[in-house]
Amino acid sequence: MDLATILGLVIGIGGILLGNFFEGGHVASLLQFTAFVIVMMGTFGAVMVSNRSKDLKLGFKLFRKSFREQNLNYEEPIAEIIECARIAKKETPLALEPKLPTLRSPMLADILRNVVDGVDPKLTRQIFDNIIHKEEQNMLAAGKIWLDAGGFSPTIGIIGAVLGLIHVMGNLTDTSKLGGGIAVAFVATVYGVGFANLVFIPIGNKIKKNIHEVTKHKLMILDGALMITSGVNPQLIEQKLESYKSK
């Protein structure tokens, strides 16, 4: 579980509720089911219209993952690359073939299979660069649904407020209910702006950062594997790969 995400939501939402309490408000005044339905259904309806089905499915999966700490293992692939570099340096890249089934990184195994087969390193880089960046684009498109939700939500909240005011204006004869009716109408705006800035946009930004980190991890493996073909000293390969961890 990613403690920063959980604490951020608790502090953000808690701060608003605490401020409302200090102003003399009550939590019950902010709990309006109708406003919630308008904002949530309106927002996700707009998101569904503007995105593909596969992006929506992956986007919800990435949402769940954003509440877990992303700890990419850099040490293991670096160790495997260095070991393969030593074997190739001592013998030839062809000597790596028996090693491929034992590698724990499927991507490293795929790249080194091209190396063993004698595929031109430039072509191998082009192939895996395309694969990596295509996967990144698919993931970013899926994560973007939450940034879209953050853009639509405040506007839907305003629509909810206007609908509430229309209802209030239709009952002007009962002046005793005007104040409460107007207050309820503006709760939709609070929901729209609140969900956008406390949930949707922050989660969308976190997903984007996680995706960039995954891409960097894959590019590190690609760089390391292709350096083996150039006969670079394993120590220099290690220095190069270690630099990815500090970026």
C-alpha atoms as a PDB file:
ATOM      1  CA  MET A   1       0.000   0.000   0.000  1.00  0.00           C
ATOM      2  CA  ASP A   2       1.301   3.435  -0.959  1.00  0.00           C
ATOM      3  CA  LEU A   3       1.129   5.410   2.287  1.00  0.00           C
ATOM      4  CA  ALA A   4       1.640   8.774   0.554  1.00  0.00           C
ATOM      5  CA  THR A   5      -1.495   8.323  -1.573  1.00  0.00           C
ATOM      6  CA  ILE A   6      -3.650   7.270   1.374  1.00  0.00           C
ATOM      7  CA  LEU A   7      -2.341  10.009   3.661  1.00  0.00           C
ATOM      8  CA  GLY A   8      -2.717  12.600   0.913  1.00  0.00           C
ATOM      9  CA  LEU A   9      -6.395  11.764   0.451  1.00  0.00           C
ATOM     10  CA  VAL A  10      -7.013  11.712   4.205  1.00  0.00           C
ATOM     11  CA  ILE A  11      -5.256  15.047   4.758  1.00  0.00           C
ATOM     12  CA  GLY A  12      -6.875  16.709   1.741  1.00  0.00           C
ATOM     13  CA  ILE A  13     -10.443  15.603   2.452  1.00  0.00           C
ATOM     14  CA  GLY A  14      -9.964  15.884   6.208  1.00  0.00           C
ATOM     15  CA  GLY A  15      -8.709  19.463   5.887  1.00  0.00           C
ATOM     16  CA  ILE A  16     -11.826  20.500   3.976  1.00  0.00           C
ATOM     17  CA  LEU A  17     -14.142  18.828   6.482  1.00  0.00           C
ATOM     18  CA  LEU A  18     -12.213  20.383   9.371  1.00  0.00           C
ATOM     19  CA  GLY A  19     -12.425  23.821   7.787  1.00  0.00           C
ATOM     20  CA  ASN A  20     -16.148  23.331   7.278  1.00  0.00           C
ATOM     21  CA  PHE A  21     -16.480  22.445  10.952  1.00  0.00           C
ATOM     22  CA  PHE A  22     -14.549  25.555  12.050  1.00  0.00           C
ATOM     23  CA  GLU A  23     -16.931  27.650   9.965  1.00  0.00           C
ATOM     24  CA  GLY A  24     -19.837  26.202  11.897  1.00  0.00           C
ATOM     25  CA  GLY A  25     -20.881  23.735   9.221  1.00  0.00           C
ATOM     26  CA  HIS A  26     -21.827  20.097   9.654  1.00  0.00           C
ATOM     27  CA  VAL A  27     -20.646  17.059   7.731  1.00  0.00           C
ATOM     28  CA  ALA A  28     -24.275  16.136   7.056  1.00  0.00           C
ATOM     29  CA  SER A  29     -24.711  19.348   5.065  1.00  0.00           C
ATOM     30  CA  LEU A  30     -22.114  18.114   2.569  1.00  0.00           C
ATOM     31  CA  LEU A  31     -23.656  14.661   2.142  1.00  0.00           C
ATOM     32  CA  GLN A  32     -26.074  15.010  -0.743  1.00  0.00           C
ATOM     33  CA  PHE A  33     -26.766  11.809  -2.679  1.00  0.00           C
ATOM     34  CA  THR A  34     -28.425  13.602  -5.604  1.00  0.00           C
ATOM     35  CA  ALA A  35     -25.437  15.903  -6.098  1.00  0.00           C
ATOM     36  CA  PHE A  36     -23.086  12.916  -5.899  1.00  0.00           C
ATOM     37  CA  VAL A  37     -25.029  11.019  -8.551  1.00  0.00           C
ATOM     38  CA  ILE A  38     -25.077  14.023 -10.917  1.00  0.00           C
ATOM     39  CA  VAL A  39     -21.331  14.656 -10.596  1.00  0.00           C
ATOM     40  CA  MET A  40     -20.163  11.026 -10.727  1.00  0.00           C
ATOM     41  CA  MET A  41     -22.454   9.801 -13.475  1.00  0.00           C
ATOM     42  CA  GLY A  42     -22.067  12.969 -15.522  1.00  0.00           C
ATOM     43  CA  THR A  43     -18.269  12.891 -15.207  1.00  0.00           C
ATOM     44  CA  PHE A  44     -17.830   9.232 -16.078  1.00  0.00           C
ATOM     45  CA  GLY A  45     -20.373   9.492 -18.866  1.00  0.00           C
ATOM     46  CA  ALA A  46     -18.246  12.223 -20.445  1.00  0.00           C
ATOM     47  CA  VAL A  47     -15.077  10.187 -19.868  1.00  0.00           C
ATOM     48  CA  MET A  48     -16.627   7.148 -21.563  1.00  0.00           C
ATOM     49  CA  VAL A  49     -17.644   9.196 -24.584  1.00  0.00           C
ATOM     50  CA  SER A  50     -14.156  10.668 -25.030  1.00  0.00           C
ATOM     51  CA  ASN A  51     -12.098   7.474 -24.533  1.00  0.00           C
ATOM     52  CA  ARG A  52     -11.835   3.972 -25.971  1.00  0.00           C
ATOM     53  CA  SER A  53     -13.154   0.918 -24.124  1.00  0.00           C
ATOM     54  CA  LYS A  54      -9.699  -0.632 -23.778  1.00  0.00           C
ATOM     55  CA  ASP A  55      -8.357   2.617 -22.282  1.00  0.00           C
ATOM     56  CA  LEU A  56     -11.193   2.650 -19.740  1.00  0.00           C
ATOM     57  CA  LYS A  57     -10.523  -0.943 -18.652  1.00  0.00           C
ATOM     58  CA  LEU A  58      -6.789  -0.389 -18.295  1.00  0.00           C
ATOM     59  CA  GLY A  59      -7.368   3.000 -16.666  1.00  0.00           C
ATOM     60  CA  PHE A  60      -9.369   1.478 -13.804  1.00  0.00           C
ATOM     61  CA  LYS A  61      -6.691  -1.180 -13.379  1.00  0.00           C
ATOM     62  CA  LEU A  62      -4.018   1.522 -13.136  1.00  0.00           C
ATOM     63  CA  PHE A  63      -6.197   3.389 -10.612  1.00  0.00           C
ATOM     64  CA  ARG A  64      -6.110   0.383  -8.286  1.00  0.00           C
ATOM     65  CA  LYS A  65      -2.364   0.002  -8.772  1.00  0.00           C
ATOM     66  CA  SER A  66      -1.776   3.648  -7.874  1.00  0.00           C
ATOM     67  CA  PHE A  67      -2.655   2.824  -4.261  1.00  0.00           C
ATOM     68  CA  ARG A  68       0.224   0.343  -4.119  1.00  0.00           C
ATOM     69  CA  GLU A  69       3.871   1.331  -3.825  1.00  0.00           C
ATOM     70  CA  GLN A  70       5.690   0.836  -7.128  1.00  0.00           C
ATOM     71  CA  ASN A  71       9.053  -0.726  -6.366  1.00  0.00           C
ATOM     72  CA  LEU A  72      10.756  -1.664  -9.612  1.00  0.00           C
ATOM     73  CA  ASN A  73      13.635  -4.090  -9.192  1.00  0.00           C
ATOM     74  CA  TYR A  74      16.724  -2.560 -10.779  1.00  0.00           C
ATOM     75  CA  GLU A  75      19.279  -4.773  -9.045  1.00  0.00           C
ATOM     76  CA  GLU A  76      18.164  -8.100 -10.528  1.00  0.00           C
ATOM     77  CA  PRO A  77      18.212  -7.145 -14.245  1.00  0.00           C
ATOM     78  CA  ILE A  78      21.492  -5.244 -13.763  1.00  0.00           C
ATOM     79  CA  ALA A  79      23.061  -8.322 -12.171  1.00  0.00           C
ATOM     80  CA  GLU A  80      21.806 -10.526 -15.021  1.00  0.00           C
ATOM     81  CA  ILE A  81      23.103  -8.130 -17.675  1.00  0.00           C
ATOM     82  CA  ILE A  82      26.541  -7.932 -16.037  1.00  0.00           C
ATOM     83  CA  GLU A  83      26.708 -11.719 -15.779  1.00  0.00           C
ATOM     84  CA  CYS A  84      25.789 -12.073 -19.471  1.00  0.00           C
ATOM     85  CA  ALA A  85      28.334  -9.390 -20.404  1.00  0.00           C
ATOM     86  CA  ARG A  86      31.085 -11.332 -18.631  1.00  0.00           C
ATOM     87  CA  ILE A  87      30.124 -14.533 -20.436  1.00  0.00           C
ATOM     88  CA  ALA A  88      30.059 -12.789 -23.828  1.00  0.00           C
ATOM     89  CA  LYS A  89      33.367 -11.033 -23.089  1.00  0.00           C
ATOM     90  CA  LYS A  90      35.076 -14.246 -22.009  1.00  0.00           C
ATOM     91  CA  GLU A  91      33.682 -16.326 -24.883  1.00  0.00           C
ATOM     92  CA  THR A  92      31.255 -14.992 -27.553  1.00  0.00           C
ATOM     93  CA  PRO A  93      27.623 -13.752 -27.569  1.00  0.00           C
ATOM     94  CA  LEU A  94      26.668 -17.208 -28.875  1.00  0.00           C
ATOM     95  CA  ALA A  95      27.647 -18.605 -25.470  1.00  0.00           C
ATOM     96  CA  LEU A  96      24.633 -16.791 -23.986  1.00  0.00           C
ATOM     97  CA  GLU A  97      22.124 -19.149 -25.609  1.00  0.00           C
ATOM     98  CA  PRO A  98      22.056 -21.729 -22.739  1.00  0.00           C
ATOM     99  CA  LYS A  99      21.641 -18.818 -20.304  1.00  0.00           C
ATOM    100  CA  LEU A 100      18.474 -17.384 -21.894  1.00  0.00           C
ATOM    101  CA  PRO A 101      15.897 -19.798 -20.332  1.00  0.00           C
ATOM    102  CA  THR A 102      17.222 -19.024 -16.836  1.00  0.00           C
ATOM    103  CA  LEU A 103      16.867 -15.220 -17.087  1.00  0.00           C
ATOM    104  CA  ARG A 104      14.169 -13.772 -14.826  1.00  0.00           C
ATOM    105  CA  SER A 105      13.564 -10.774 -17.091  1.00  0.00           C
ATOM    106  CA  PRO A 106      11.511 -11.853 -20.146  1.00  0.00           C
ATOM    107  CA  MET A 107      12.417  -8.652 -21.981  1.00  0.00           C
ATOM    108  CA  LEU A 108      16.144  -9.211 -21.433  1.00  0.00           C
ATOM    109  CA  ALA A 109      15.786 -12.773 -22.727  1.00  0.00           C
ATOM    110  CA  ASP A 110      13.982 -11.553 -25.869  1.00  0.00           C
ATOM    111  CA  ILE A 111      16.641  -8.931 -26.621  1.00  0.00           C
ATOM    112  CA  LEU A 112      19.531 -11.325 -26.024  1.00  0.00           C
ATOM    113  CA  ARG A 113      17.854 -13.895 -28.267  1.00  0.00           C
ATOM    114  CA  ASN A 114      18.230 -11.367 -31.087  1.00  0.00           C
ATOM    115  CA  VAL A 115      21.854 -10.872 -30.044  1.00  0.00           C
ATOM    116  CA  VAL A 116      22.521 -14.612 -30.153  1.00  0.00           C
ATOM    117  CA  ASP A 117      20.804 -14.875 -33.539  1.00  0.00           C
ATOM    118  CA  GLY A 118      23.118 -12.200 -34.922  1.00  0.00           C
ATOM    119  CA  VAL A 119      20.412  -9.584 -35.587  1.00  0.00           C
ATOM    120  CA  ASP A 120      21.876  -6.150 -36.289  1.00  0.00           C
ATOM    121  CA  PRO A 121      21.980  -4.162 -33.001  1.00  0.00           C
ATOM    122  CA  LYS A 122      20.479  -1.072 -34.668  1.00  0.00           C
ATOM    123  CA  LEU A 123      17.521  -3.102 -35.906  1.00  0.00           C
ATOM    124  CA  THR A 124      17.117  -4.715 -32.482  1.00  0.00           C
ATOM    125  CA  ARG A 125      17.081  -1.269 -30.855  1.00  0.00           C
ATOM    126  CA  GLN A 126      14.468  -0.034 -33.322  1.00  0.00           C
ATOM    127  CA  ILE A 127      12.256  -3.072 -32.700  1.00  0.00           C
ATOM    128  CA  PHE A 128      12.331  -2.848 -28.908  1.00  0.00           C
ATOM    129  CA  ASP A 129      12.209   0.962 -28.860  1.00  0.00           C
ATOM    130  CA  ASN A 130       8.974   0.706 -30.813  1.00  0.00           C
ATOM    131  CA  ILE A 131       7.607  -1.956 -28.453  1.00  0.00           C
ATOM    132  CA  ILE A 132       8.526   0.026 -25.333  1.00  0.00           C
ATOM    133  CA  HIS A 133       7.116   3.323 -26.563  1.00  0.00           C
ATOM    134  CA  LYS A 134       3.961   1.718 -27.923  1.00  0.00           C
ATOM    135  CA  GLU A 135       3.333   0.167 -24.511  1.00  0.00           C
ATOM    136  CA  GLU A 136       4.020   3.551 -22.895  1.00  0.00           C
ATOM    137  CA  GLN A 137       1.549   5.312 -25.193  1.00  0.00           C
ATOM    138  CA  ASN A 138      -1.144   2.713 -24.450  1.00  0.00           C
ATOM    139  CA  MET A 139      -0.592   3.106 -20.715  1.00  0.00           C
ATOM    140  CA  LEU A 140      -0.587   6.920 -20.892  1.00  0.00           C
ATOM    141  CA  ALA A 141      -3.838   6.866 -22.883  1.00  0.00           C
ATOM    142  CA  ALA A 142      -5.384   4.714 -20.156  1.00  0.00           C
ATOM    143  CA  GLY A 143      -4.070   6.900 -17.336  1.00  0.00           C
ATOM    144  CA  LYS A 144      -5.350   9.994 -19.123  1.00  0.00           C
ATOM    145  CA  ILE A 145      -8.959   9.051 -18.344  1.00  0.00           C
ATOM    146  CA  TRP A 146      -8.420  10.330 -14.781  1.00  0.00           C
ATOM    147  CA  LEU A 147      -7.045  13.645 -16.008  1.00  0.00           C
ATOM    148  CA  ASP A 148     -10.071  13.840 -18.299  1.00  0.00           C
ATOM    149  CA  ALA A 149     -12.316  13.155 -15.295  1.00  0.00           C
ATOM    150  CA  GLY A 150     -10.555  15.991 -13.450  1.00  0.00           C
ATOM    151  CA  GLY A 151     -11.352  18.306 -16.346  1.00  0.00           C
ATOM    152  CA  PHE A 152     -15.016  17.332 -16.691  1.00  0.00           C
ATOM    153  CA  SER A 153     -15.887  17.057 -12.998  1.00  0.00           C
ATOM    154  CA  PRO A 154     -15.976  20.791 -12.058  1.00  0.00           C
ATOM    155  CA  THR A 155     -18.163  21.597 -15.072  1.00  0.00           C
ATOM    156  CA  ILE A 156     -20.577  18.785 -14.230  1.00  0.00           C
ATOM    157  CA  GLY A 157     -20.631  20.132 -10.680  1.00  0.00           C
ATOM    158  CA  ILE A 158     -21.726  23.531 -12.000  1.00  0.00           C
ATOM    159  CA  ILE A 159     -24.455  21.829 -14.032  1.00  0.00           C
ATOM    160  CA  GLY A 160     -25.618  20.129 -10.833  1.00  0.00           C
ATOM    161  CA  ALA A 161     -25.673  23.467  -9.035  1.00  0.00           C
ATOM    162  CA  VAL A 162     -27.694  25.078 -11.831  1.00  0.00           C
ATOM    163  CA  LEU A 163     -30.183  22.191 -11.794  1.00  0.00           C
ATOM    164  CA  GLY A 164     -30.560  22.659  -8.041  1.00  0.00           C
ATOM    165  CA  LEU A 165     -31.120  26.382  -8.446  1.00  0.00           C
ATOM    166  CA  ILE A 166     -33.741  25.736 -11.125  1.00  0.00           C
ATOM    167  CA  HIS A 167     -35.564  23.557  -8.637  1.00  0.00           C
ATOM    168  CA  VAL A 168     -35.283  26.258  -5.958  1.00  0.00           C
ATOM    169  CA  MET A 169     -36.521  28.973  -8.285  1.00  0.00           C
ATOM    170  CA  GLY A 170     -39.499  26.822  -9.135  1.00  0.00           C
ATOM    171  CA  ASN A 171     -40.532  26.878  -5.470  1.00  0.00           C
ATOM    172  CA  LEU A 172     -40.029  30.543  -4.570  1.00  0.00           C
ATOM    173  CA  THR A 173     -43.377  30.677  -2.802  1.00  0.00           C
ATOM    174  CA  ASP A 174     -41.934  28.702   0.116  1.00  0.00           C
ATOM    175  CA  THR A 175     -39.291  31.187   1.288  1.00  0.00           C
ATOM    176  CA  SER A 176     -38.444  29.118   4.380  1.00  0.00           C
ATOM    177  CA  LYS A 177     -36.740  26.537   2.171  1.00  0.00           C
ATOM    178  CA  LEU A 178     -34.794  28.893  -0.095  1.00  0.00           C
ATOM    179  CA  GLY A 179     -31.596  29.034   1.983  1.00  0.00           C
ATOM    180  CA  GLY A 180     -31.394  25.285   2.443  1.00  0.00           C
ATOM    181  CA  GLY A 181     -32.245  24.634  -1.182  1.00  0.00           C
ATOM    182  CA  ILE A 182     -29.513  26.956  -2.456  1.00  0.00           C
ATOM    183  CA  ALA A 183     -26.995  25.358  -0.069  1.00  0.00           C
ATOM    184  CA  VAL A 184     -27.848  21.912  -1.387  1.00  0.00           C
ATOM    185  CA  ALA A 185     -27.499  23.133  -4.973  1.00  0.00           C
ATOM    186  CA  PHE A 186     -23.943  24.327  -4.391  1.00  0.00           C
ATOM    187  CA  VAL A 187     -22.882  21.015  -2.847  1.00  0.00           C
ATOM    188  CA  ALA A 188     -22.705  19.686  -6.424  1.00  0.00           C
ATOM    189  CA  THR A 189     -20.061  22.325  -7.187  1.00  0.00           C
ATOM    190  CA  VAL A 190     -18.107  21.288  -4.101  1.00  0.00           C
ATOM    191  CA  TYR A 191     -18.230  17.658  -5.245  1.00  0.00           C
ATOM    192  CA  GLY A 192     -17.153  18.530  -8.781  1.00  0.00           C
ATOM    193  CA  VAL A 193     -14.199  20.697  -7.781  1.00  0.00           C
ATOM    194  CA  GLY A 194     -13.292  18.521  -4.801  1.00  0.00           C
ATOM    195  CA  PHE A 195     -13.150  15.206  -6.682  1.00  0.00           C
ATOM    196  CA  ALA A 196     -11.236  16.846  -9.542  1.00  0.00           C
ATOM    197  CA  ASN A 197      -8.497  18.368  -7.384  1.00  0.00           C
ATOM    198  CA  LEU A 198      -8.278  15.816  -4.579  1.00  0.00           C
ATOM    199  CA  VAL A 199      -8.764  12.532  -6.460  1.00  0.00           C
ATOM    200  CA  PHE A 200      -8.919  12.545 -10.252  1.00  0.00           C
ATOM    201  CA  ILE A 201      -6.060  14.891 -11.214  1.00  0.00           C
ATOM    202  CA  PRO A 202      -3.633  13.745  -8.451  1.00  0.00           C
ATOM    203  CA  ILE A 203      -4.258  10.074  -9.284  1.00  0.00           C
ATOM    204  CA  GLY A 204      -3.840  10.821 -12.997  1.00  0.00           C
ATOM    205  CA  ASN A 205      -0.497  12.519 -12.337  1.00  0.00           C
ATOM    206  CA  LYS A 206       0.675   9.646 -10.149  1.00  0.00           C
ATOM    207  CA  ILE A 207      -0.224   7.097 -12.824  1.00  0.00           C
ATOM    208  CA  LYS A 208       1.717   9.133 -15.400  1.00  0.00           C
ATOM    209  CA  LYS A 209       4.825   9.196 -13.194  1.00  0.00           C
ATOM    210  CA  ASN A 210       4.581   5.444 -12.581  1.00  0.00           C
ATOM    211  CA  ILE A 211       4.341   4.806 -16.333  1.00  0.00           C
ATOM    212  CA  HIS A 212       7.441   6.924 -17.026  1.00  0.00           C
ATOM    213  CA  GLU A 213       9.318   4.973 -14.350  1.00  0.00           C
ATOM    214  CA  VAL A 214       8.359   1.650 -15.958  1.00  0.00           C
ATOM    215  CA  THR A 215       9.515   2.941 -19.354  1.00  0.00           C
ATOM    216  CA  LYS A 216      12.841   4.028 -17.889  1.00  0.00           C
ATOM    217  CA  HIS A 217      13.279   0.556 -16.369  1.00  0.00           C
ATOM    218  CA  LYS A 218      12.686  -1.086 -19.756  1.00  0.00           C
ATOM    219  CA  LEU A 219      15.049   1.289 -21.555  1.00  0.00           C
ATOM    220  CA  MET A 220      17.738   0.453 -19.014  1.00  0.00           C
ATOM    221  CA  ILE A 221      17.393  -3.253 -19.854  1.00  0.00           C
ATOM    222  CA  LEU A 222      17.508  -2.481 -23.583  1.00  0.00           C
ATOM    223  CA  ASP A 223      20.626  -0.312 -23.257  1.00  0.00           C
ATOM    224  CA  GLY A 224      22.404  -2.883 -21.099  1.00  0.00           C
ATOM    225  CA  ALA A 225      21.593  -5.813 -23.370  1.00  0.00           C
ATOM    226  CA  LEU A 226      22.782  -4.001 -26.500  1.00  0.00           C
ATOM    227  CA  MET A 227      26.007  -2.859 -24.842  1.00  0.00           C
ATOM    228  CA  ILE A 228      26.909  -6.537 -24.536  1.00  0.00           C
ATOM    229  CA  THR A 229      27.086  -6.787 -28.340  1.00  0.00           C
ATOM    230  CA  SER A 230      29.595  -3.936 -28.552  1.00  0.00           C
ATOM    231  CA  GLY A 231      32.088  -5.691 -26.269  1.00  0.00           C
ATOM    232  CA  VAL A 232      32.026  -2.961 -23.625  1.00  0.00           C
ATOM    233  CA  ASN A 233      33.755  -3.810 -20.366  1.00  0.00           C
ATOM    234  CA  PRO A 234      31.223  -5.230 -17.851  1.00  0.00           C
ATOM    235  CA  GLN A 235      32.308  -2.661 -15.253  1.00  0.00           C
ATOM    236  CA  LEU A 236      31.477   0.200 -17.618  1.00  0.00           C
ATOM    237  CA  ILE A 237      28.116  -1.408 -18.398  1.00  0.00           C
ATOM    238  CA  GLU A 238      27.404  -1.579 -14.677  1.00  0.00           C
ATOM    239  CA  GLN A 239      28.279   2.105 -14.217  1.00  0.00           C
ATOM    240  CA  LYS A 240      25.992   3.034 -17.090  1.00  0.00           C
ATOM    241  CA  LEU A 241      23.077   0.999 -15.736  1.00  0.00           C
ATOM    242  CA  GLU A 242      23.546   2.218 -12.171  1.00  0.00           C
ATOM    243  CA  SER A 243      23.044   5.765 -13.433  1.00  0.00           C
ATOM    244  CA  TYR A 244      19.429   4.887 -14.334  1.00  0.00           C
ATOM    245  CA  LYS A 245      18.633   4.320 -10.669  1.00  0.00           C
ATOM    246  CA  SER A 246      19.406   7.903  -9.693  1.00  0.00           C
ATOM    247  CA  LYS A 247      17.390   9.591 -12.451  1.00  0.00           C
END
